[in-house]
Amino acid sequence: MSPRRRETMPETTQIRIGHCCPDTAGVDVYLDDDRAFDNVTFGNVSEYASLQPGTYDVAITPNGEERSAALVDETLTVKRGEDYTVLATGFSDDIQPLVLTDENGTVPQGKCHARFVHCSPDAQKVDVRTTDGRTLFENVGFRKTSNYEPVDAGTYDLEVCWAGTDDVVVELPDCEFNGGETCTVFGVDTAKSLEAIVTRDAGSPAAKGAGKRGRAY
C-alpha cells in the first residue's frame, strides 16, 4: 500500500477493513487517491496493512468503480503505534463507517482478550455467553462494541442471544480463545440470518483475518 500521506512520522500504524453491509456487493477502499483494499466482500475482514500515521480521506466504492462513485467518503486520522478496524455498516441506503481502535498489546499467555462488535443493521441488542451460562458480552446494540474482556484460554461453545433473554439466535461451537491473543467476535447479516465471525487480531499466530464462523440457529 502506498497512499499519499499528509503527515509522515517514523513509526507506522495498522489498519484493516471489514464489510458488514448485508445488501451490498464487494467494495474497494481508497486511502486518499490510491486503492488500498480491493474487493472486500460481505462478511469478511481483511488482514492488517501498515501505513504511516496521519490524516487520510477514506472512500468506500463498489468494486471496480472510481473514487468518485464512493458510497462512503470520510476523513480518518490514525496515530502512530495504534491499530484500527474500519467497518462498512448498515444497509445500502445508509452505509456508515464504524472506526474502532484495537487494543492489540501484550496479553498474558493464560488469557485471551476478546470483544464483541454488533454490525447487524436490523437486529436488536444481543448478549454473548458460553453454553455453561457465563455471559461474556452484554446488551450490545447496532454499531456498538463491548469492552475487551479477559477470557481464560480454552475452547468454548458460544451462543448469541437477544439481550436479556434465553433466545439463542446464533451458535458458535468450538471457539478457540488462545492464550496471548486478542480476538474480535463480529455479529453480521440481518436479524433473520444473523452470523458470528471470529477474527484473531494479534498474538501468535499474528493477525490472520476472519477465522471461526457461526450461523443462525
N, C-alpha and C. Protein backbone atom coordinates (compact mmCIF):
# COMPACT_ATOMS: atom_id res chain seq x y z
N MET A 1 0.84 -1.18 0.00
CA MET A 1 0.00 0.00 0.00
C MET A 1 0.89 1.24 0.00
N SER A 2 0.58 2.22 -0.82
CA SER A 2 1.40 3.43 -0.85
C SER A 2 0.55 4.67 -1.05
N PRO A 3 -0.47 4.89 -0.17
CA PRO A 3 -1.31 6.07 -0.32
C PRO A 3 -0.51 7.34 -0.06
N ARG A 4 -0.94 8.45 -0.69
CA ARG A 4 -0.31 9.74 -0.44
C ARG A 4 -0.53 10.13 1.01
N ARG A 5 0.52 10.59 1.68
CA ARG A 5 0.43 10.94 3.08
C ARG A 5 0.47 12.46 3.25
N ARG A 6 -0.28 12.93 4.21
CA ARG A 6 -0.22 14.34 4.55
C ARG A 6 0.73 14.59 5.71
N GLU A 7 1.04 13.53 6.43
CA GLU A 7 1.87 13.68 7.61
C GLU A 7 2.70 12.43 7.72
N THR A 8 4.03 12.56 7.86
CA THR A 8 4.91 11.41 7.93
C THR A 8 5.59 11.38 9.29
N MET A 9 5.55 10.20 9.93
CA MET A 9 6.18 10.02 11.23
C MET A 9 6.95 8.71 11.17
N PRO A 10 7.92 8.52 12.04
CA PRO A 10 8.82 7.37 11.89
C PRO A 10 8.18 6.03 12.15
N GLU A 11 7.14 5.96 12.98
CA GLU A 11 6.51 4.69 13.29
C GLU A 11 5.24 4.53 12.47
N THR A 12 4.94 3.28 12.11
CA THR A 12 3.73 3.03 11.32
C THR A 12 2.55 2.71 12.22
N THR A 13 1.38 2.65 11.60
CA THR A 13 0.17 2.19 12.24
C THR A 13 -0.39 1.06 11.39
N GLN A 14 -1.40 0.36 11.91
CA GLN A 14 -2.02 -0.73 11.16
C GLN A 14 -3.52 -0.47 11.01
N ILE A 15 -4.06 -0.85 9.86
CA ILE A 15 -5.48 -0.66 9.61
C ILE A 15 -6.00 -1.87 8.84
N ARG A 16 -7.23 -2.27 9.12
CA ARG A 16 -7.89 -3.32 8.36
C ARG A 16 -9.33 -2.89 8.09
N ILE A 17 -9.94 -3.54 7.11
CA ILE A 17 -11.26 -3.16 6.63
C ILE A 17 -12.21 -4.34 6.77
N GLY A 18 -13.44 -4.07 7.21
CA GLY A 18 -14.47 -5.11 7.27
C GLY A 18 -15.72 -4.68 6.52
N HIS A 19 -16.30 -5.62 5.79
CA HIS A 19 -17.53 -5.37 5.00
C HIS A 19 -18.69 -6.00 5.74
N CYS A 20 -19.57 -5.14 6.30
CA CYS A 20 -20.67 -5.63 7.14
C CYS A 20 -22.02 -5.13 6.64
N CYS A 21 -22.13 -4.83 5.34
CA CYS A 21 -23.40 -4.36 4.76
C CYS A 21 -24.06 -5.51 4.01
N PRO A 22 -25.13 -6.09 4.55
CA PRO A 22 -25.65 -7.34 4.01
C PRO A 22 -26.25 -7.26 2.61
N ASP A 23 -26.63 -6.07 2.15
CA ASP A 23 -27.24 -5.97 0.82
C ASP A 23 -26.33 -5.23 -0.16
N THR A 24 -25.03 -5.27 0.08
CA THR A 24 -24.06 -4.57 -0.76
C THR A 24 -23.00 -5.54 -1.25
N ALA A 25 -22.69 -5.46 -2.55
CA ALA A 25 -21.67 -6.35 -3.13
C ALA A 25 -20.27 -5.92 -2.68
N GLY A 26 -19.24 -6.58 -3.23
CA GLY A 26 -17.87 -6.30 -2.85
C GLY A 26 -17.50 -4.83 -3.03
N VAL A 27 -16.61 -4.35 -2.17
CA VAL A 27 -16.21 -2.95 -2.20
C VAL A 27 -14.70 -2.81 -2.27
N ASP A 28 -14.27 -1.68 -2.80
CA ASP A 28 -12.87 -1.27 -2.75
C ASP A 28 -12.76 -0.12 -1.75
N VAL A 29 -11.56 0.04 -1.19
CA VAL A 29 -11.32 1.12 -0.23
C VAL A 29 -10.15 1.95 -0.72
N TYR A 30 -10.39 3.24 -0.84
CA TYR A 30 -9.35 4.18 -1.23
C TYR A 30 -8.85 4.93 0.01
N LEU A 31 -7.54 5.07 0.11
CA LEU A 31 -6.93 5.98 1.07
C LEU A 31 -6.32 7.12 0.25
N ASP A 32 -6.87 8.31 0.44
CA ASP A 32 -6.58 9.42 -0.47
C ASP A 32 -6.93 8.96 -1.89
N ASP A 33 -6.02 9.04 -2.83
CA ASP A 33 -6.35 8.71 -4.21
C ASP A 33 -5.94 7.31 -4.61
N ASP A 34 -5.41 6.53 -3.68
CA ASP A 34 -4.91 5.20 -4.00
C ASP A 34 -5.86 4.12 -3.51
N ARG A 35 -6.11 3.12 -4.35
CA ARG A 35 -6.93 1.98 -3.95
C ARG A 35 -6.09 1.07 -3.08
N ALA A 36 -6.43 1.01 -1.78
CA ALA A 36 -5.61 0.29 -0.81
C ALA A 36 -6.12 -1.11 -0.53
N PHE A 37 -7.44 -1.32 -0.63
CA PHE A 37 -8.05 -2.63 -0.41
C PHE A 37 -8.98 -2.91 -1.58
N ASP A 38 -8.87 -4.09 -2.16
CA ASP A 38 -9.60 -4.41 -3.38
C ASP A 38 -10.60 -5.54 -3.14
N ASN A 39 -11.86 -5.31 -3.51
CA ASN A 39 -12.91 -6.32 -3.50
C ASN A 39 -13.04 -7.03 -2.15
N VAL A 40 -13.25 -6.25 -1.11
CA VAL A 40 -13.59 -6.82 0.20
C VAL A 40 -15.07 -7.20 0.16
N THR A 41 -15.36 -8.46 0.33
CA THR A 41 -16.74 -8.94 0.17
C THR A 41 -17.45 -9.03 1.51
N PHE A 42 -18.78 -9.10 1.44
CA PHE A 42 -19.59 -9.09 2.66
C PHE A 42 -19.19 -10.22 3.61
N GLY A 43 -19.12 -9.87 4.90
CA GLY A 43 -18.81 -10.85 5.92
C GLY A 43 -17.34 -11.14 6.09
N ASN A 44 -16.50 -10.35 5.43
CA ASN A 44 -15.06 -10.58 5.53
C ASN A 44 -14.37 -9.37 6.15
N VAL A 45 -13.32 -9.67 6.90
CA VAL A 45 -12.45 -8.66 7.50
C VAL A 45 -11.06 -8.89 6.95
N SER A 46 -10.46 -7.87 6.38
CA SER A 46 -9.13 -8.02 5.78
C SER A 46 -8.07 -8.22 6.85
N GLU A 47 -6.89 -8.64 6.42
CA GLU A 47 -5.74 -8.61 7.30
C GLU A 47 -5.29 -7.16 7.47
N TYR A 48 -4.47 -6.92 8.48
CA TYR A 48 -3.96 -5.58 8.69
C TYR A 48 -2.96 -5.19 7.59
N ALA A 49 -2.98 -3.92 7.25
CA ALA A 49 -1.98 -3.34 6.36
C ALA A 49 -1.32 -2.17 7.11
N SER A 50 -0.04 -2.00 6.91
CA SER A 50 0.70 -0.94 7.59
C SER A 50 0.70 0.33 6.75
N LEU A 51 0.63 1.46 7.41
CA LEU A 51 0.75 2.74 6.73
C LEU A 51 1.30 3.76 7.71
N GLN A 52 1.74 4.88 7.18
CA GLN A 52 2.27 5.94 8.01
C GLN A 52 1.13 6.65 8.74
N PRO A 53 1.36 7.08 9.97
CA PRO A 53 0.32 7.83 10.68
C PRO A 53 0.06 9.16 9.99
N GLY A 54 -1.14 9.67 10.19
CA GLY A 54 -1.52 10.93 9.57
C GLY A 54 -3.01 10.97 9.31
N THR A 55 -3.44 11.86 8.46
CA THR A 55 -4.85 12.04 8.12
C THR A 55 -5.08 11.64 6.68
N TYR A 56 -6.10 10.82 6.47
CA TYR A 56 -6.40 10.28 5.14
C TYR A 56 -7.87 10.53 4.80
N ASP A 57 -8.14 10.73 3.52
CA ASP A 57 -9.50 10.68 3.02
C ASP A 57 -9.80 9.23 2.66
N VAL A 58 -10.81 8.65 3.32
CA VAL A 58 -11.16 7.25 3.13
C VAL A 58 -12.46 7.18 2.33
N ALA A 59 -12.42 6.50 1.20
CA ALA A 59 -13.60 6.34 0.35
C ALA A 59 -13.86 4.85 0.14
N ILE A 60 -15.10 4.44 0.31
CA ILE A 60 -15.52 3.06 0.04
C ILE A 60 -16.39 3.08 -1.21
N THR A 61 -15.98 2.32 -2.22
CA THR A 61 -16.68 2.33 -3.51
C THR A 61 -17.10 0.92 -3.88
N PRO A 62 -18.11 0.77 -4.75
CA PRO A 62 -18.38 -0.56 -5.31
C PRO A 62 -17.13 -1.08 -6.02
N ASN A 63 -16.92 -2.39 -5.93
CA ASN A 63 -15.72 -2.99 -6.53
C ASN A 63 -15.57 -2.59 -7.99
N GLY A 64 -14.38 -2.11 -8.34
CA GLY A 64 -14.07 -1.75 -9.72
C GLY A 64 -14.44 -0.33 -10.11
N GLU A 65 -15.12 0.40 -9.23
CA GLU A 65 -15.54 1.76 -9.55
C GLU A 65 -14.46 2.78 -9.15
N GLU A 66 -14.51 3.93 -9.78
CA GLU A 66 -13.58 5.01 -9.43
C GLU A 66 -13.97 5.63 -8.09
N ARG A 67 -13.05 6.38 -7.55
CA ARG A 67 -13.26 7.00 -6.25
C ARG A 67 -14.49 7.93 -6.24
N SER A 68 -14.80 8.51 -7.38
CA SER A 68 -15.94 9.43 -7.48
C SER A 68 -17.27 8.74 -7.22
N ALA A 69 -17.29 7.39 -7.26
CA ALA A 69 -18.52 6.63 -7.03
C ALA A 69 -18.66 6.20 -5.57
N ALA A 70 -17.99 6.90 -4.66
CA ALA A 70 -17.92 6.48 -3.26
C ALA A 70 -19.29 6.34 -2.62
N LEU A 71 -19.46 5.23 -1.90
CA LEU A 71 -20.63 5.03 -1.05
C LEU A 71 -20.44 5.72 0.29
N VAL A 72 -19.18 5.78 0.72
CA VAL A 72 -18.79 6.45 1.96
C VAL A 72 -17.55 7.26 1.67
N ASP A 73 -17.49 8.49 2.15
CA ASP A 73 -16.31 9.33 1.98
C ASP A 73 -16.09 10.08 3.28
N GLU A 74 -15.08 9.68 4.03
CA GLU A 74 -14.84 10.22 5.36
C GLU A 74 -13.36 10.56 5.52
N THR A 75 -13.06 11.37 6.52
CA THR A 75 -11.68 11.68 6.89
C THR A 75 -11.31 10.88 8.13
N LEU A 76 -10.15 10.25 8.09
CA LEU A 76 -9.71 9.39 9.18
C LEU A 76 -8.30 9.80 9.59
N THR A 77 -8.11 10.06 10.88
CA THR A 77 -6.78 10.34 11.42
C THR A 77 -6.30 9.14 12.22
N VAL A 78 -5.12 8.63 11.86
CA VAL A 78 -4.55 7.47 12.54
C VAL A 78 -3.25 7.87 13.22
N LYS A 79 -3.05 7.34 14.42
CA LYS A 79 -1.90 7.71 15.25
C LYS A 79 -0.83 6.62 15.20
N ARG A 80 0.40 7.02 15.38
CA ARG A 80 1.49 6.07 15.34
C ARG A 80 1.35 5.03 16.44
N GLY A 81 1.68 3.80 16.10
CA GLY A 81 1.65 2.71 17.06
C GLY A 81 0.27 2.18 17.37
N GLU A 82 -0.79 2.74 16.76
CA GLU A 82 -2.16 2.29 17.01
C GLU A 82 -2.61 1.35 15.90
N ASP A 83 -3.57 0.46 16.23
CA ASP A 83 -4.21 -0.42 15.25
C ASP A 83 -5.68 -0.02 15.15
N TYR A 84 -6.21 -0.11 13.91
CA TYR A 84 -7.59 0.31 13.68
C TYR A 84 -8.33 -0.72 12.84
N THR A 85 -9.62 -0.87 13.13
CA THR A 85 -10.53 -1.61 12.27
C THR A 85 -11.59 -0.64 11.77
N VAL A 86 -11.75 -0.56 10.45
CA VAL A 86 -12.76 0.31 9.85
C VAL A 86 -13.80 -0.58 9.18
N LEU A 87 -15.04 -0.48 9.63
CA LEU A 87 -16.12 -1.34 9.15
C LEU A 87 -17.13 -0.53 8.37
N ALA A 88 -17.54 -1.06 7.22
CA ALA A 88 -18.69 -0.50 6.50
C ALA A 88 -19.93 -1.17 7.07
N THR A 89 -20.84 -0.37 7.63
CA THR A 89 -22.01 -0.92 8.32
C THR A 89 -23.30 -0.32 7.78
N GLY A 90 -24.41 -1.05 7.99
CA GLY A 90 -25.73 -0.58 7.58
C GLY A 90 -26.18 -1.19 6.28
N PHE A 91 -27.42 -0.89 5.89
CA PHE A 91 -27.92 -1.27 4.58
C PHE A 91 -27.40 -0.29 3.53
N SER A 92 -27.59 -0.62 2.26
CA SER A 92 -27.00 0.15 1.17
C SER A 92 -27.47 1.60 1.14
N ASP A 93 -28.67 1.89 1.68
CA ASP A 93 -29.17 3.27 1.66
C ASP A 93 -28.73 4.06 2.88
N ASP A 94 -27.93 3.44 3.75
CA ASP A 94 -27.47 4.13 4.96
C ASP A 94 -26.13 3.56 5.41
N ILE A 95 -25.18 3.47 4.50
CA ILE A 95 -23.86 2.94 4.85
C ILE A 95 -23.08 3.99 5.64
N GLN A 96 -22.56 3.56 6.77
CA GLN A 96 -21.73 4.44 7.59
C GLN A 96 -20.51 3.67 8.07
N PRO A 97 -19.37 4.37 8.21
CA PRO A 97 -18.20 3.69 8.74
C PRO A 97 -18.25 3.61 10.26
N LEU A 98 -17.76 2.51 10.79
CA LEU A 98 -17.56 2.35 12.22
C LEU A 98 -16.07 2.15 12.43
N VAL A 99 -15.43 3.10 13.09
CA VAL A 99 -13.98 3.07 13.28
C VAL A 99 -13.68 2.64 14.70
N LEU A 100 -12.93 1.57 14.83
CA LEU A 100 -12.57 1.00 16.12
C LEU A 100 -11.07 1.12 16.35
N THR A 101 -10.68 1.49 17.55
CA THR A 101 -9.28 1.43 17.94
C THR A 101 -9.04 0.09 18.62
N ASP A 102 -8.13 -0.69 18.07
CA ASP A 102 -7.89 -2.06 18.53
C ASP A 102 -6.80 -2.08 19.59
N GLU A 103 -7.04 -2.84 20.64
CA GLU A 103 -6.07 -2.96 21.73
C GLU A 103 -5.31 -4.27 21.56
N ASN A 104 -4.30 -4.21 20.69
CA ASN A 104 -3.55 -5.42 20.35
C ASN A 104 -2.21 -5.48 21.07
N GLY A 105 -2.18 -5.00 22.30
CA GLY A 105 -0.95 -5.04 23.08
C GLY A 105 -0.69 -6.42 23.65
N THR A 106 0.27 -6.48 24.57
CA THR A 106 0.66 -7.76 25.17
C THR A 106 -0.47 -8.33 26.02
N VAL A 107 -0.75 -9.61 25.83
CA VAL A 107 -1.79 -10.33 26.57
C VAL A 107 -1.13 -11.49 27.30
N PRO A 108 -1.46 -11.72 28.58
CA PRO A 108 -0.86 -12.85 29.30
C PRO A 108 -1.13 -14.17 28.59
N GLN A 109 -0.20 -15.10 28.68
CA GLN A 109 -0.32 -16.37 27.95
C GLN A 109 -1.53 -17.19 28.38
N GLY A 110 -2.00 -17.03 29.59
CA GLY A 110 -3.15 -17.80 30.04
C GLY A 110 -4.48 -17.15 29.75
N LYS A 111 -4.46 -15.99 29.08
CA LYS A 111 -5.67 -15.24 28.80
C LYS A 111 -5.78 -14.90 27.32
N CYS A 112 -7.00 -14.67 26.88
CA CYS A 112 -7.28 -14.08 25.58
C CYS A 112 -8.14 -12.85 25.83
N HIS A 113 -7.80 -11.74 25.20
CA HIS A 113 -8.61 -10.54 25.31
C HIS A 113 -9.58 -10.51 24.13
N ALA A 114 -10.87 -10.50 24.42
CA ALA A 114 -11.90 -10.62 23.38
C ALA A 114 -12.93 -9.52 23.53
N ARG A 115 -13.54 -9.15 22.38
CA ARG A 115 -14.61 -8.16 22.38
C ARG A 115 -15.66 -8.58 21.36
N PHE A 116 -16.83 -7.93 21.44
CA PHE A 116 -17.92 -8.20 20.50
C PHE A 116 -18.32 -6.89 19.83
N VAL A 117 -18.51 -6.96 18.48
CA VAL A 117 -18.94 -5.80 17.70
C VAL A 117 -20.24 -6.15 16.99
N HIS A 118 -21.28 -5.35 17.19
CA HIS A 118 -22.62 -5.60 16.65
C HIS A 118 -22.75 -4.84 15.33
N CYS A 119 -22.85 -5.60 14.23
CA CYS A 119 -22.91 -4.99 12.89
C CYS A 119 -24.13 -5.44 12.10
N SER A 120 -25.17 -5.94 12.77
CA SER A 120 -26.38 -6.36 12.08
C SER A 120 -27.39 -5.21 12.12
N PRO A 121 -27.69 -4.58 10.98
CA PRO A 121 -28.42 -3.31 10.99
C PRO A 121 -29.86 -3.37 11.48
N ASP A 122 -30.50 -4.53 11.41
CA ASP A 122 -31.89 -4.60 11.87
C ASP A 122 -32.07 -5.52 13.06
N ALA A 123 -30.98 -5.90 13.70
CA ALA A 123 -31.07 -6.78 14.87
C ALA A 123 -31.06 -5.96 16.15
N GLN A 124 -31.82 -6.44 17.13
CA GLN A 124 -31.86 -5.77 18.42
C GLN A 124 -30.57 -6.05 19.19
N LYS A 125 -30.50 -5.51 20.39
CA LYS A 125 -29.32 -5.73 21.23
C LYS A 125 -29.16 -7.22 21.56
N VAL A 126 -27.90 -7.63 21.75
CA VAL A 126 -27.62 -9.04 22.00
C VAL A 126 -26.68 -9.21 23.19
N ASP A 127 -26.73 -10.42 23.75
CA ASP A 127 -25.75 -10.91 24.72
C ASP A 127 -24.98 -12.04 24.07
N VAL A 128 -23.73 -12.21 24.47
CA VAL A 128 -22.93 -13.36 24.04
C VAL A 128 -22.48 -14.09 25.29
N ARG A 129 -22.75 -15.40 25.33
CA ARG A 129 -22.42 -16.17 26.53
C ARG A 129 -21.93 -17.55 26.14
N THR A 130 -21.35 -18.22 27.11
CA THR A 130 -20.95 -19.61 26.92
C THR A 130 -22.15 -20.51 27.23
N THR A 131 -22.12 -21.71 26.71
CA THR A 131 -23.25 -22.62 26.93
C THR A 131 -23.37 -23.07 28.38
N ASP A 132 -22.31 -22.86 29.17
CA ASP A 132 -22.42 -23.19 30.60
C ASP A 132 -22.91 -22.00 31.42
N GLY A 133 -23.34 -20.93 30.74
CA GLY A 133 -24.05 -19.86 31.43
C GLY A 133 -23.26 -18.60 31.74
N ARG A 134 -21.99 -18.52 31.36
CA ARG A 134 -21.22 -17.31 31.63
C ARG A 134 -21.45 -16.28 30.53
N THR A 135 -21.86 -15.07 30.92
CA THR A 135 -22.06 -14.01 29.95
C THR A 135 -20.75 -13.28 29.72
N LEU A 136 -20.31 -13.24 28.46
CA LEU A 136 -19.07 -12.56 28.10
C LEU A 136 -19.31 -11.10 27.72
N PHE A 137 -20.36 -10.86 26.90
CA PHE A 137 -20.67 -9.52 26.42
C PHE A 137 -22.18 -9.32 26.56
N GLU A 138 -22.58 -8.18 27.07
CA GLU A 138 -23.98 -7.99 27.44
C GLU A 138 -24.55 -6.72 26.85
N ASN A 139 -25.77 -6.85 26.27
CA ASN A 139 -26.58 -5.70 25.88
C ASN A 139 -25.86 -4.80 24.86
N VAL A 140 -25.29 -5.43 23.83
CA VAL A 140 -24.55 -4.67 22.81
C VAL A 140 -25.48 -4.40 21.63
N GLY A 141 -25.63 -3.13 21.27
CA GLY A 141 -26.52 -2.73 20.19
C GLY A 141 -25.78 -2.47 18.89
N PHE A 142 -26.55 -2.21 17.84
CA PHE A 142 -26.01 -1.98 16.50
C PHE A 142 -25.03 -0.81 16.49
N ARG A 143 -23.91 -1.02 15.77
CA ARG A 143 -22.81 -0.07 15.66
C ARG A 143 -22.18 0.23 17.01
N LYS A 144 -22.28 -0.71 17.94
CA LYS A 144 -21.63 -0.57 19.24
C LYS A 144 -20.66 -1.75 19.43
N THR A 145 -19.70 -1.55 20.31
CA THR A 145 -18.75 -2.60 20.64
C THR A 145 -18.61 -2.72 22.14
N SER A 146 -18.38 -3.93 22.59
CA SER A 146 -18.14 -4.15 24.02
C SER A 146 -16.72 -3.72 24.37
N ASN A 147 -16.46 -3.67 25.66
CA ASN A 147 -15.08 -3.57 26.11
C ASN A 147 -14.37 -4.89 25.85
N TYR A 148 -13.04 -4.85 25.83
CA TYR A 148 -12.28 -6.10 25.80
C TYR A 148 -12.42 -6.80 27.14
N GLU A 149 -12.66 -8.10 27.09
CA GLU A 149 -12.79 -8.90 28.29
C GLU A 149 -11.69 -9.96 28.34
N PRO A 150 -11.01 -10.13 29.47
CA PRO A 150 -10.04 -11.21 29.59
C PRO A 150 -10.75 -12.54 29.79
N VAL A 151 -10.50 -13.48 28.90
CA VAL A 151 -11.13 -14.80 28.95
C VAL A 151 -10.03 -15.84 29.13
N ASP A 152 -10.24 -16.79 30.03
CA ASP A 152 -9.26 -17.86 30.20
C ASP A 152 -9.06 -18.58 28.88
N ALA A 153 -7.81 -18.84 28.54
CA ALA A 153 -7.52 -19.57 27.31
C ALA A 153 -8.24 -20.91 27.32
N GLY A 154 -8.81 -21.28 26.18
CA GLY A 154 -9.52 -22.55 26.08
C GLY A 154 -10.47 -22.55 24.91
N THR A 155 -11.22 -23.64 24.77
CA THR A 155 -12.20 -23.80 23.70
C THR A 155 -13.60 -23.71 24.29
N TYR A 156 -14.44 -22.87 23.71
CA TYR A 156 -15.76 -22.59 24.26
C TYR A 156 -16.84 -22.80 23.20
N ASP A 157 -18.01 -23.21 23.65
CA ASP A 157 -19.21 -23.18 22.82
C ASP A 157 -19.95 -21.90 23.18
N LEU A 158 -20.07 -21.00 22.20
CA LEU A 158 -20.68 -19.70 22.45
C LEU A 158 -22.09 -19.64 21.87
N GLU A 159 -22.91 -18.79 22.47
CA GLU A 159 -24.26 -18.52 21.99
C GLU A 159 -24.48 -17.02 21.93
N VAL A 160 -25.10 -16.57 20.85
CA VAL A 160 -25.57 -15.18 20.76
C VAL A 160 -27.07 -15.20 21.01
N CYS A 161 -27.51 -14.42 21.98
CA CYS A 161 -28.93 -14.38 22.37
C CYS A 161 -29.43 -12.95 22.28
N TRP A 162 -30.74 -12.82 22.06
CA TRP A 162 -31.32 -11.50 22.21
C TRP A 162 -31.12 -11.04 23.65
N ALA A 163 -30.75 -9.79 23.82
CA ALA A 163 -30.36 -9.29 25.13
C ALA A 163 -31.44 -9.53 26.18
N GLY A 164 -31.00 -10.05 27.31
CA GLY A 164 -31.90 -10.26 28.44
C GLY A 164 -32.81 -11.46 28.33
N THR A 165 -32.59 -12.31 27.29
CA THR A 165 -33.45 -13.48 27.09
C THR A 165 -32.59 -14.73 26.96
N ASP A 166 -33.27 -15.87 26.89
CA ASP A 166 -32.60 -17.14 26.60
C ASP A 166 -32.80 -17.57 25.15
N ASP A 167 -33.23 -16.65 24.30
CA ASP A 167 -33.48 -16.95 22.89
C ASP A 167 -32.16 -16.98 22.13
N VAL A 168 -31.67 -18.17 21.81
CA VAL A 168 -30.41 -18.33 21.10
C VAL A 168 -30.64 -18.09 19.62
N VAL A 169 -29.89 -17.13 19.04
CA VAL A 169 -30.05 -16.83 17.61
C VAL A 169 -28.84 -17.27 16.79
N VAL A 170 -27.70 -17.44 17.42
CA VAL A 170 -26.51 -17.95 16.74
C VAL A 170 -25.77 -18.88 17.69
N GLU A 171 -25.34 -20.02 17.16
CA GLU A 171 -24.46 -20.92 17.91
C GLU A 171 -23.06 -20.85 17.29
N LEU A 172 -22.06 -20.78 18.14
CA LEU A 172 -20.67 -20.72 17.70
C LEU A 172 -19.88 -21.77 18.47
N PRO A 173 -19.94 -23.04 18.04
CA PRO A 173 -19.29 -24.11 18.80
C PRO A 173 -17.77 -24.12 18.58
N ASP A 174 -17.08 -24.71 19.56
CA ASP A 174 -15.64 -24.96 19.45
C ASP A 174 -14.86 -23.71 19.08
N CYS A 175 -15.16 -22.61 19.76
CA CYS A 175 -14.46 -21.36 19.53
C CYS A 175 -13.20 -21.33 20.39
N GLU A 176 -12.04 -21.22 19.75
CA GLU A 176 -10.77 -21.26 20.47
C GLU A 176 -10.33 -19.85 20.85
N PHE A 177 -10.15 -19.64 22.14
CA PHE A 177 -9.54 -18.42 22.65
C PHE A 177 -8.15 -18.81 23.14
N ASN A 178 -7.15 -18.53 22.34
CA ASN A 178 -5.79 -18.94 22.66
C ASN A 178 -5.10 -17.92 23.56
N GLY A 179 -4.27 -18.42 24.45
CA GLY A 179 -3.54 -17.55 25.36
C GLY A 179 -2.61 -16.62 24.60
N GLY A 180 -2.52 -15.38 25.07
CA GLY A 180 -1.64 -14.41 24.46
C GLY A 180 -2.20 -13.74 23.23
N GLU A 181 -3.46 -14.00 22.88
CA GLU A 181 -4.07 -13.45 21.66
C GLU A 181 -5.14 -12.41 21.98
N THR A 182 -5.41 -11.58 20.99
CA THR A 182 -6.55 -10.69 21.00
C THR A 182 -7.51 -11.12 19.91
N CYS A 183 -8.81 -11.22 20.23
CA CYS A 183 -9.81 -11.68 19.27
C CYS A 183 -10.99 -10.71 19.24
N THR A 184 -11.68 -10.69 18.10
CA THR A 184 -12.93 -9.94 17.98
C THR A 184 -14.01 -10.86 17.42
N VAL A 185 -15.18 -10.82 18.03
CA VAL A 185 -16.36 -11.52 17.52
C VAL A 185 -17.27 -10.47 16.89
N PHE A 186 -17.56 -10.62 15.60
CA PHE A 186 -18.44 -9.70 14.88
C PHE A 186 -19.79 -10.37 14.67
N GLY A 187 -20.88 -9.66 14.97
CA GLY A 187 -22.21 -10.10 14.60
C GLY A 187 -22.62 -9.40 13.32
N VAL A 188 -22.89 -10.16 12.25
CA VAL A 188 -23.17 -9.57 10.94
C VAL A 188 -24.44 -10.17 10.34
N ASP A 189 -24.84 -9.62 9.19
CA ASP A 189 -26.00 -10.01 8.41
C ASP A 189 -27.28 -9.48 9.06
N THR A 190 -28.44 -9.91 8.55
CA THR A 190 -29.71 -9.39 9.05
C THR A 190 -30.15 -10.19 10.28
N ALA A 191 -31.18 -9.68 10.95
CA ALA A 191 -31.68 -10.35 12.14
C ALA A 191 -32.14 -11.77 11.85
N LYS A 192 -32.70 -12.01 10.65
CA LYS A 192 -33.19 -13.34 10.29
C LYS A 192 -32.06 -14.29 9.88
N SER A 193 -30.90 -13.73 9.54
CA SER A 193 -29.78 -14.56 9.08
C SER A 193 -28.51 -14.22 9.83
N LEU A 194 -28.65 -13.92 11.10
CA LEU A 194 -27.52 -13.45 11.90
C LEU A 194 -26.38 -14.46 11.89
N GLU A 195 -25.17 -13.94 11.79
CA GLU A 195 -23.97 -14.77 11.73
C GLU A 195 -22.90 -14.16 12.63
N ALA A 196 -22.09 -15.00 13.23
CA ALA A 196 -20.96 -14.53 14.04
C ALA A 196 -19.66 -14.93 13.37
N ILE A 197 -18.72 -14.01 13.34
CA ILE A 197 -17.40 -14.24 12.76
C ILE A 197 -16.37 -13.89 13.81
N VAL A 198 -15.39 -14.77 14.01
CA VAL A 198 -14.32 -14.52 14.97
C VAL A 198 -13.03 -14.27 14.21
N THR A 199 -12.35 -13.17 14.54
CA THR A 199 -11.03 -12.91 13.97
C THR A 199 -9.98 -12.98 15.07
N ARG A 200 -8.84 -13.52 14.72
CA ARG A 200 -7.68 -13.50 15.60
C ARG A 200 -6.87 -12.27 15.21
N ASP A 201 -6.85 -11.28 16.08
CA ASP A 201 -6.33 -9.96 15.72
C ASP A 201 -4.83 -9.83 15.96
N ALA A 202 -4.35 -10.35 17.07
CA ALA A 202 -2.94 -10.22 17.41
C ALA A 202 -2.54 -11.37 18.32
N GLY A 203 -1.23 -11.62 18.36
CA GLY A 203 -0.70 -12.70 19.18
C GLY A 203 0.01 -13.70 18.31
N SER A 204 0.00 -14.94 18.73
CA SER A 204 0.69 -16.00 17.98
C SER A 204 -0.30 -17.11 17.66
N PRO A 205 -0.67 -17.34 16.37
CA PRO A 205 -0.16 -16.63 15.19
C PRO A 205 -0.68 -15.20 15.13
N ALA A 206 0.01 -14.36 14.36
CA ALA A 206 -0.37 -12.95 14.23
C ALA A 206 -1.68 -12.84 13.48
N ALA A 207 -2.14 -11.60 13.32
CA ALA A 207 -3.45 -11.37 12.71
C ALA A 207 -3.61 -12.07 11.38
N LYS A 208 -4.70 -12.83 11.22
CA LYS A 208 -4.92 -13.61 10.01
C LYS A 208 -6.30 -13.36 9.39
N GLY A 209 -6.96 -12.29 9.81
CA GLY A 209 -8.28 -12.03 9.24
C GLY A 209 -9.33 -12.98 9.80
N ALA A 210 -10.41 -13.17 9.06
CA ALA A 210 -11.55 -13.93 9.57
C ALA A 210 -11.18 -15.38 9.83
N GLY A 211 -11.70 -15.90 10.91
CA GLY A 211 -11.45 -17.29 11.27
C GLY A 211 -12.76 -18.05 11.46
N LYS A 212 -13.07 -18.42 12.70
CA LYS A 212 -14.24 -19.22 13.02
C LYS A 212 -15.52 -18.50 12.69
N ARG A 213 -16.51 -19.25 12.14
CA ARG A 213 -17.82 -18.68 11.84
C ARG A 213 -18.92 -19.50 12.51
N GLY A 214 -19.98 -18.83 12.89
CA GLY A 214 -21.18 -19.50 13.36
C GLY A 214 -22.39 -18.86 12.72
N ARG A 215 -23.37 -19.66 12.37
CA ARG A 215 -24.53 -19.14 11.65
C ARG A 215 -25.81 -19.23 12.50
N ALA A 216 -26.86 -18.66 11.95
CA ALA A 216 -28.12 -18.60 12.68
C ALA A 216 -28.57 -19.96 13.14
N TYR A 217 -29.13 -20.02 14.32
CA TYR A 217 -29.55 -21.28 14.94
C TYR A 217 -30.93 -21.68 14.42
